[in-house]
Amino acid sequence: MEKNKLERLSELTRISRVRELTEEEQSERTALRNEYRAAVTGNLAAQLNRITIVEPDGSQRRLSDKKRSGEEN
């Protein structure tokens, strides 16, 4: 997420603590929050996809491979 959008989201949050946001500000804040959540979720998913699990026998598997194979443990 771009720095200016994150600053705007923070600004709207500060404003909401002082007064009620207008309809336009509320919709802008909701859109910015959704964009922020998508960015955080995407970054987390990318990090998890890069994790490699070393099995007791020394073999290595990516965490994403374990998920696809339907293993729970």
C-alpha atoms as a PDB file:
ATOM      1  CA  MET A   1       0.000   0.000   0.000  1.00  0.00           C
ATOM      2  CA  GLU A   2       1.287   3.409  -0.901  1.00  0.00           C
ATOM      3  CA  LYS A   3       2.518   5.640   1.915  1.00  0.00           C
ATOM      4  CA  ASN A   4       0.128   8.491   1.079  1.00  0.00           C
ATOM      5  CA  LYS A   5      -2.880   6.141   1.241  1.00  0.00           C
ATOM      6  CA  LEU A   6      -1.752   4.782   4.595  1.00  0.00           C
ATOM      7  CA  GLU A   7      -1.310   8.334   5.898  1.00  0.00           C
ATOM      8  CA  ARG A   8      -4.806   9.218   4.654  1.00  0.00           C
ATOM      9  CA  LEU A   9      -6.260   6.180   6.435  1.00  0.00           C
ATOM     10  CA  SER A  10      -4.522   7.250   9.645  1.00  0.00           C
ATOM     11  CA  GLU A  11      -5.796  10.796   9.174  1.00  0.00           C
ATOM     12  CA  LEU A  12      -9.386   9.593   8.745  1.00  0.00           C
ATOM     13  CA  THR A  13      -9.047   7.460  11.874  1.00  0.00           C
ATOM     14  CA  ARG A  14      -7.804  10.471  13.856  1.00  0.00           C
ATOM     15  CA  ILE A  15     -10.672  12.586  12.529  1.00  0.00           C
ATOM     16  CA  SER A  16     -13.210   9.917  13.496  1.00  0.00           C
ATOM     17  CA  ARG A  17     -12.054  10.163  17.101  1.00  0.00           C
ATOM     18  CA  VAL A  18     -12.842  13.890  17.142  1.00  0.00           C
ATOM     19  CA  ARG A  19     -16.031  14.003  15.097  1.00  0.00           C
ATOM     20  CA  GLU A  20     -18.292  11.781  13.063  1.00  0.00           C
ATOM     21  CA  LEU A  21     -17.094  11.159   9.519  1.00  0.00           C
ATOM     22  CA  THR A  22     -19.176  12.234   6.546  1.00  0.00           C
ATOM     23  CA  GLU A  23     -20.604   9.572   4.220  1.00  0.00           C
ATOM     24  CA  GLU A  24     -17.852  10.305   1.689  1.00  0.00           C
ATOM     25  CA  GLU A  25     -15.127  10.033   4.342  1.00  0.00           C
ATOM     26  CA  GLN A  26     -16.613   6.794   5.670  1.00  0.00           C
ATOM     27  CA  SER A  27     -16.663   5.206   2.224  1.00  0.00           C
ATOM     28  CA  GLU A  28     -13.096   6.392   1.553  1.00  0.00           C
ATOM     29  CA  ARG A  29     -11.965   4.961   4.899  1.00  0.00           C
ATOM     30  CA  THR A  30     -13.686   1.637   4.170  1.00  0.00           C
ATOM     31  CA  ALA A  31     -12.016   1.416   0.747  1.00  0.00           C
ATOM     32  CA  LEU A  32      -8.610   2.237   2.229  1.00  0.00           C
ATOM     33  CA  ARG A  33      -9.095  -0.322   5.022  1.00  0.00           C
ATOM     34  CA  ASN A  34     -10.014  -3.010   2.491  1.00  0.00           C
ATOM     35  CA  GLU A  35      -6.964  -2.178   0.390  1.00  0.00           C
ATOM     36  CA  TYR A  36      -4.757  -2.304   3.511  1.00  0.00           C
ATOM     37  CA  ARG A  37      -6.199  -5.681   4.554  1.00  0.00           C
ATOM     38  CA  ALA A  38      -5.626  -7.082   1.064  1.00  0.00           C
ATOM     39  CA  ALA A  39      -2.013  -5.882   1.109  1.00  0.00           C
ATOM     40  CA  VAL A  40      -1.336  -7.392   4.540  1.00  0.00           C
ATOM     41  CA  THR A  41      -3.018 -10.682   3.602  1.00  0.00           C
ATOM     42  CA  GLY A  42      -1.077 -10.851   0.338  1.00  0.00           C
ATOM     43  CA  ASN A  43       2.232 -10.193   2.083  1.00  0.00           C
ATOM     44  CA  LEU A  44       1.527 -12.841   4.711  1.00  0.00           C
ATOM     45  CA  ALA A  45       0.542 -15.402   2.099  1.00  0.00           C
ATOM     46  CA  ALA A  46       3.746 -14.698   0.156  1.00  0.00           C
ATOM     47  CA  GLN A  47       5.833 -15.170   3.308  1.00  0.00           C
ATOM     48  CA  LEU A  48       4.095 -18.417   4.174  1.00  0.00           C
ATOM     49  CA  ASN A  49       4.586 -19.720   0.628  1.00  0.00           C
ATOM     50  CA  ARG A  50       8.352 -19.229   0.989  1.00  0.00           C
ATOM     51  CA  ILE A  51       8.624 -21.317   4.191  1.00  0.00           C
ATOM     52  CA  THR A  52      10.360 -24.660   3.784  1.00  0.00           C
ATOM     53  CA  ILE A  53       9.752 -27.511   6.230  1.00  0.00           C
ATOM     54  CA  VAL A  54      12.617 -29.912   6.885  1.00  0.00           C
ATOM     55  CA  GLU A  55      11.228 -33.397   7.540  1.00  0.00           C
ATOM     56  CA  PRO A  56      12.892 -35.794  10.027  1.00  0.00           C
ATOM     57  CA  ASP A  57      14.379 -37.762   7.123  1.00  0.00           C
ATOM     58  CA  GLY A  58      16.103 -34.587   5.868  1.00  0.00           C
ATOM     59  CA  SER A  59      13.826 -33.975   2.913  1.00  0.00           C
ATOM     60  CA  GLN A  60      12.483 -30.490   2.395  1.00  0.00           C
ATOM     61  CA  ARG A  61       8.971 -29.436   1.436  1.00  0.00           C
ATOM     62  CA  ARG A  62       7.461 -26.062   0.962  1.00  0.00           C
ATOM     63  CA  LEU A  63       4.684 -25.198   3.379  1.00  0.00           C
ATOM     64  CA  SER A  64       2.380 -24.488   0.437  1.00  0.00           C
ATOM     65  CA  ASP A  65       2.964 -28.075  -0.821  1.00  0.00           C
ATOM     66  CA  LYS A  66       1.779 -29.463   2.524  1.00  0.00           C
ATOM     67  CA  LYS A  67      -1.392 -27.388   2.288  1.00  0.00           C
ATOM     68  CA  ARG A  68      -2.142 -28.602  -1.233  1.00  0.00           C
ATOM     69  CA  SER A  69      -1.661 -32.235  -0.295  1.00  0.00           C
ATOM     70  CA  GLY A  70      -4.361 -31.884   2.381  1.00  0.00           C
ATOM     71  CA  GLU A  71      -2.146 -32.717   5.361  1.00  0.00           C
ATOM     72  CA  GLU A  72      -3.162 -31.228   8.659  1.00  0.00           C
ATOM     73  CA  ASN A  73      -0.011 -31.756  10.746  1.00  0.00           C
END
